[in-house]
């Protein structure tokens, strides 16, 4: 569950950051994808750590 939530949060954050910098729709998509990938990796490690400790 952490993994999927991290992807969604990363995509929303990336879209928001690109919008604040004045990016067009393709810039926003690129930022959203990059942030989603980064947050997915972090969420994957968090999920593994959670299940390893419980």
PDB file of N, CA and C in Angstrom:
ATOM      1  N   UNK A   1       0.809  -1.189   0.000  1.00  0.00           N
ATOM      2  CA  UNK A   1       0.000   0.000   0.000  1.00  0.00           C
ATOM      3  C   UNK A   1       0.862   1.267   0.000  1.00  0.00           C
ATOM      4  N   UNK A   2       1.957   1.217   0.703  1.00  0.00           N
ATOM      5  CA  UNK A   2       2.840   2.382   0.732  1.00  0.00           C
ATOM      6  C   UNK A   2       3.360   2.665  -0.672  1.00  0.00           C
ATOM      7  N   UNK A   3       3.630   1.610  -1.408  1.00  0.00           N
ATOM      8  CA  UNK A   3       4.185   1.733  -2.756  1.00  0.00           C
ATOM      9  C   UNK A   3       3.250   2.525  -3.667  1.00  0.00           C
ATOM     10  N   UNK A   4       1.970   2.160  -3.690  1.00  0.00           N
ATOM     11  CA  UNK A   4       1.018   2.818  -4.578  1.00  0.00           C
ATOM     12  C   UNK A   4       0.718   4.249  -4.144  1.00  0.00           C
ATOM     13  N   UNK A   5       0.661   4.462  -2.844  1.00  0.00           N
ATOM     14  CA  UNK A   5       0.450   5.818  -2.342  1.00  0.00           C
ATOM     15  C   UNK A   5       1.645   6.709  -2.690  1.00  0.00           C
ATOM     16  N   UNK A   6       2.842   6.165  -2.627  1.00  0.00           N
ATOM     17  CA  UNK A   6       4.040   6.934  -2.947  1.00  0.00           C
ATOM     18  C   UNK A   6       4.060   7.335  -4.420  1.00  0.00           C
ATOM     19  N   UNK A   7       3.618   6.440  -5.294  1.00  0.00           N
ATOM     20  CA  UNK A   7       3.560   6.774  -6.717  1.00  0.00           C
ATOM     21  C   UNK A   7       2.602   7.936  -6.952  1.00  0.00           C
ATOM     22  N   UNK A   8       1.423   7.869  -6.344  1.00  0.00           N
ATOM     23  CA  UNK A   8       0.427   8.925  -6.529  1.00  0.00           C
ATOM     24  C   UNK A   8       0.918  10.254  -5.963  1.00  0.00           C
ATOM     25  N   UNK A   9       1.494  10.227  -4.788  1.00  0.00           N
ATOM     26  CA  UNK A   9       2.000  11.453  -4.171  1.00  0.00           C
ATOM     27  C   UNK A   9       3.140  12.037  -5.000  1.00  0.00           C
ATOM     28  N   UNK A  10       4.021  11.188  -5.489  1.00  0.00           N
ATOM     29  CA  UNK A  10       5.123  11.659  -6.319  1.00  0.00           C
ATOM     30  C   UNK A  10       4.650  12.297  -7.612  1.00  0.00           C
ATOM     31  N   UNK A  11       3.657  11.698  -8.255  1.00  0.00           N
ATOM     32  CA  UNK A  11       3.134  12.256  -9.498  1.00  0.00           C
ATOM     33  C   UNK A  11       2.469  13.610  -9.255  1.00  0.00           C
ATOM     34  N   UNK A  12       1.706  13.701  -8.190  1.00  0.00           N
ATOM     35  CA  UNK A  12       1.038  14.973  -7.869  1.00  0.00           C
ATOM     36  C   UNK A  12       2.070  16.042  -7.532  1.00  0.00           C
ATOM     37  N   UNK A  13       3.063  15.684  -6.755  1.00  0.00           N
ATOM     38  CA  UNK A  13       4.106  16.644  -6.387  1.00  0.00           C
ATOM     39  C   UNK A  13       4.891  17.105  -7.617  1.00  0.00           C
ATOM     40  N   UNK A  14       5.220  16.182  -8.502  1.00  0.00           N
ATOM     41  CA  UNK A  14       5.943  16.556  -9.718  1.00  0.00           C
ATOM     42  C   UNK A  14       5.138  17.477 -10.610  1.00  0.00           C
ATOM     43  N   UNK A  15       3.852  17.185 -10.768  1.00  0.00           N
ATOM     44  CA  UNK A  15       2.975  18.036 -11.579  1.00  0.00           C
ATOM     45  C   UNK A  15       2.904  19.441 -10.985  1.00  0.00           C
ATOM     46  N   UNK A  16       2.788  19.505  -9.665  1.00  0.00           N
ATOM     47  CA  UNK A  16       2.705  20.789  -8.971  1.00  0.00           C
ATOM     48  C   UNK A  16       3.997  21.592  -9.111  1.00  0.00           C
ATOM     49  N   UNK A  17       5.129  20.924  -8.940  1.00  0.00           N
ATOM     50  CA  UNK A  17       6.416  21.631  -9.036  1.00  0.00           C
ATOM     51  C   UNK A  17       6.665  22.176 -10.433  1.00  0.00           C
ATOM     52  N   UNK A  18       6.316  21.399 -11.453  1.00  0.00           N
ATOM     53  CA  UNK A  18       6.502  21.875 -12.819  1.00  0.00           C
ATOM     54  C   UNK A  18       5.573  23.049 -13.108  1.00  0.00           C
ATOM     55  N   UNK A  19       4.377  23.009 -12.565  1.00  0.00           N
ATOM     56  CA  UNK A  19       3.444  24.122 -12.750  1.00  0.00           C
ATOM     57  C   UNK A  19       3.942  25.401 -12.102  1.00  0.00           C
ATOM     58  N   UNK A  20       4.553  25.270 -10.941  1.00  0.00           N
ATOM     59  CA  UNK A  20       5.097  26.458 -10.268  1.00  0.00           C
ATOM     60  C   UNK A  20       6.254  27.071 -11.039  1.00  0.00           C
ATOM     61  N   UNK A  21       6.970  26.244 -11.782  1.00  0.00           N
ATOM     62  CA  UNK A  21       8.105  26.749 -12.567  1.00  0.00           C
ATOM     63  C   UNK A  21       7.692  27.234 -13.947  1.00  0.00           C
ATOM     64  N   UNK A  22       6.410  27.199 -14.231  1.00  0.00           N
ATOM     65  CA  UNK A  22       5.926  27.723 -15.505  1.00  0.00           C
ATOM     66  C   UNK A  22       6.005  26.734 -16.656  1.00  0.00           C
ATOM     67  N   UNK A  23       6.000  25.461 -16.372  1.00  0.00           N
ATOM     68  CA  UNK A  23       6.121  24.453 -17.418  1.00  0.00           C
ATOM     69  C   UNK A  23       4.810  24.211 -18.152  1.00  0.00           C
ATOM     70  N   UNK A  24       4.930  23.757 -19.386  1.00  0.00           N
ATOM     71  CA  UNK A  24       3.732  23.405 -20.147  1.00  0.00           C
ATOM     72  C   UNK A  24       3.309  21.986 -19.787  1.00  0.00           C
ATOM     73  N   UNK A  25       2.338  21.434 -20.518  1.00  0.00           N
ATOM     74  CA  UNK A  25       1.791  20.127 -20.156  1.00  0.00           C
ATOM     75  C   UNK A  25       2.835  19.015 -20.256  1.00  0.00           C
ATOM     76  N   UNK A  26       3.696  19.053 -21.269  1.00  0.00           N
ATOM     77  CA  UNK A  26       4.716  18.012 -21.394  1.00  0.00           C
ATOM     78  C   UNK A  26       5.754  18.105 -20.277  1.00  0.00           C
ATOM     79  N   UNK A  27       6.092  19.317 -19.877  1.00  0.00           N
ATOM     80  CA  UNK A  27       7.000  19.480 -18.734  1.00  0.00           C
ATOM     81  C   UNK A  27       6.381  18.893 -17.474  1.00  0.00           C
ATOM     82  N   UNK A  28       5.094  19.161 -17.279  1.00  0.00           N
ATOM     83  CA  UNK A  28       4.408  18.640 -16.101  1.00  0.00           C
ATOM     84  C   UNK A  28       4.369  17.121 -16.120  1.00  0.00           C
ATOM     85  N   UNK A  29       4.138  16.537 -17.278  1.00  0.00           N
ATOM     86  CA  UNK A  29       4.128  15.079 -17.387  1.00  0.00           C
ATOM     87  C   UNK A  29       5.498  14.483 -17.095  1.00  0.00           C
ATOM     88  N   UNK A  30       6.540  15.132 -17.590  1.00  0.00           N
ATOM     89  CA  UNK A  30       7.891  14.633 -17.343  1.00  0.00           C
ATOM     90  C   UNK A  30       8.240  14.722 -15.855  1.00  0.00           C
ATOM     91  N   UNK A  31       7.937  15.843 -15.238  1.00  0.00           N
ATOM     92  CA  UNK A  31       8.196  15.989 -13.807  1.00  0.00           C
ATOM     93  C   UNK A  31       7.383  14.973 -13.008  1.00  0.00           C
ATOM     94  N   UNK A  32       6.105  14.792 -13.390  1.00  0.00           N
ATOM     95  CA  UNK A  32       5.255  13.839 -12.679  1.00  0.00           C
ATOM     96  C   UNK A  32       5.817  12.427 -12.799  1.00  0.00           C
ATOM     97  N   UNK A  33       6.270  12.046 -13.978  1.00  0.00           N
ATOM     98  CA  UNK A  33       6.826  10.703 -14.170  1.00  0.00           C
ATOM     99  C   UNK A  33       8.121  10.526 -13.375  1.00  0.00           C
ATOM    100  N   UNK A  34       8.981  11.506 -13.426  1.00  0.00           N
ATOM    101  CA  UNK A  34      10.253  11.401 -12.701  1.00  0.00           C
ATOM    102  C   UNK A  34      10.026  11.319 -11.195  1.00  0.00           C
ATOM    103  N   UNK A  35       9.142  12.147 -10.676  1.00  0.00           N
ATOM    104  CA  UNK A  35       8.856  12.113  -9.249  1.00  0.00           C
ATOM    105  C   UNK A  35       8.157  10.811  -8.862  1.00  0.00           C
ATOM    106  N   UNK A  36       7.268  10.324  -9.715  1.00  0.00           N
ATOM    107  CA  UNK A  36       6.578   9.069  -9.417  1.00  0.00           C
ATOM    108  C   UNK A  36       7.568   7.911  -9.344  1.00  0.00           C
ATOM    109  N   UNK A  37       8.546   7.889 -10.242  1.00  0.00           N
ATOM    110  CA  UNK A  37       9.563   6.826 -10.212  1.00  0.00           C
ATOM    111  C   UNK A  37      10.403   6.922  -8.937  1.00  0.00           C
ATOM    112  N   UNK A  38      10.827   8.124  -8.601  1.00  0.00           N
ATOM    113  CA  UNK A  38      11.626   8.306  -7.392  1.00  0.00           C
ATOM    114  C   UNK A  38      10.842   7.891  -6.151  1.00  0.00           C
ATOM    115  N   UNK A  39       9.604   8.346  -6.051  1.00  0.00           N
ATOM    116  CA  UNK A  39       8.799   8.011  -4.888  1.00  0.00           C
ATOM    117  C   UNK A  39       8.450   6.529  -4.874  1.00  0.00           C
ATOM    118  N   UNK A  40       8.314   5.904  -6.035  1.00  0.00           N
ATOM    119  CA  UNK A  40       8.046   4.469  -6.097  1.00  0.00           C
ATOM    120  C   UNK A  40       9.218   3.680  -5.513  1.00  0.00           C
ATOM    121  N   UNK A  41      10.420   4.078  -5.842  1.00  0.00           N
ATOM    122  CA  UNK A  41      11.601   3.407  -5.300  1.00  0.00           C
ATOM    123  C   UNK A  41      11.658   3.574  -3.785  1.00  0.00           C
ATOM    124  N   UNK A  42      11.420   4.796  -3.319  1.00  0.00           N
ATOM    125  CA  UNK A  42      11.420   5.029  -1.875  1.00  0.00           C
ATOM    126  C   UNK A  42      10.288   4.264  -1.197  1.00  0.00           C
ATOM    127  N   UNK A  43       9.118   4.240  -1.831  1.00  0.00           N
ATOM    128  CA  UNK A  43       7.988   3.501  -1.276  1.00  0.00           C
ATOM    129  C   UNK A  43       8.231   2.008  -1.247  1.00  0.00           C
ATOM    130  N   UNK A  44       8.929   1.502  -2.248  1.00  0.00           N
ATOM    131  CA  UNK A  44       9.264   0.078  -2.270  1.00  0.00           C
ATOM    132  C   UNK A  44      10.171  -0.284  -1.102  1.00  0.00           C
ATOM    133  N   UNK A  45      11.181   0.527  -0.861  1.00  0.00           N
ATOM    134  CA  UNK A  45      12.063   0.276   0.278  1.00  0.00           C
ATOM    135  C   UNK A  45      11.313   0.397   1.599  1.00  0.00           C
ATOM    136  N   UNK A  46      10.403   1.365   1.690  1.00  0.00           N
ATOM    137  CA  UNK A  46       9.614   1.524   2.913  1.00  0.00           C
ATOM    138  C   UNK A  46       8.704   0.323   3.131  1.00  0.00           C
ATOM    139  N   UNK A  47       8.123  -0.193   2.057  1.00  0.00           N
ATOM    140  CA  UNK A  47       7.262  -1.367   2.175  1.00  0.00           C
ATOM    141  C   UNK A  47       8.066  -2.597   2.596  1.00  0.00           C
ATOM    142  N   UNK A  48       9.221  -2.782   2.014  1.00  0.00           N
ATOM    143  CA  UNK A  48      10.075  -3.915   2.395  1.00  0.00           C
ATOM    144  C   UNK A  48      10.491  -3.792   3.863  1.00  0.00           C
ATOM    145  N   UNK A  49      10.870  -2.600   4.281  1.00  0.00           N
ATOM    146  CA  UNK A  49      11.269  -2.402   5.664  1.00  0.00           C
ATOM    147  C   UNK A  49      10.104  -2.647   6.607  1.00  0.00           C
ATOM    148  N   UNK A  50       8.914  -2.225   6.235  1.00  0.00           N
ATOM    149  CA  UNK A  50       7.734  -2.426   7.071  1.00  0.00           C
ATOM    150  C   UNK A  50       7.442  -3.907   7.267  1.00  0.00           C
ATOM    151  N   UNK A  51       7.453  -4.667   6.175  1.00  0.00           N
ATOM    152  CA  UNK A  51       7.153  -6.088   6.277  1.00  0.00           C
ATOM    153  C   UNK A  51       8.302  -6.870   6.913  1.00  0.00           C
ATOM    154  N   UNK A  52       9.497  -6.381   6.798  1.00  0.00           N
ATOM    155  CA  UNK A  52      10.627  -7.073   7.414  1.00  0.00           C
ATOM    156  C   UNK A  52      10.613  -6.895   8.934  1.00  0.00           C
ATOM    157  N   UNK A  53      10.078  -5.786   9.393  1.00  0.00           N
ATOM    158  CA  UNK A  53      10.077  -5.488  10.835  1.00  0.00           C
ATOM    159  C   UNK A  53       8.827  -5.964  11.534  1.00  0.00           C
ATOM    160  N   UNK A  54       7.824  -6.432  10.798  1.00  0.00           N
ATOM    161  CA  UNK A  54       6.602  -6.876  11.464  1.00  0.00           C
ATOM    162  C   UNK A  54       6.510  -8.381  11.511  1.00  0.00           C
TER     163      UNK A  54
END
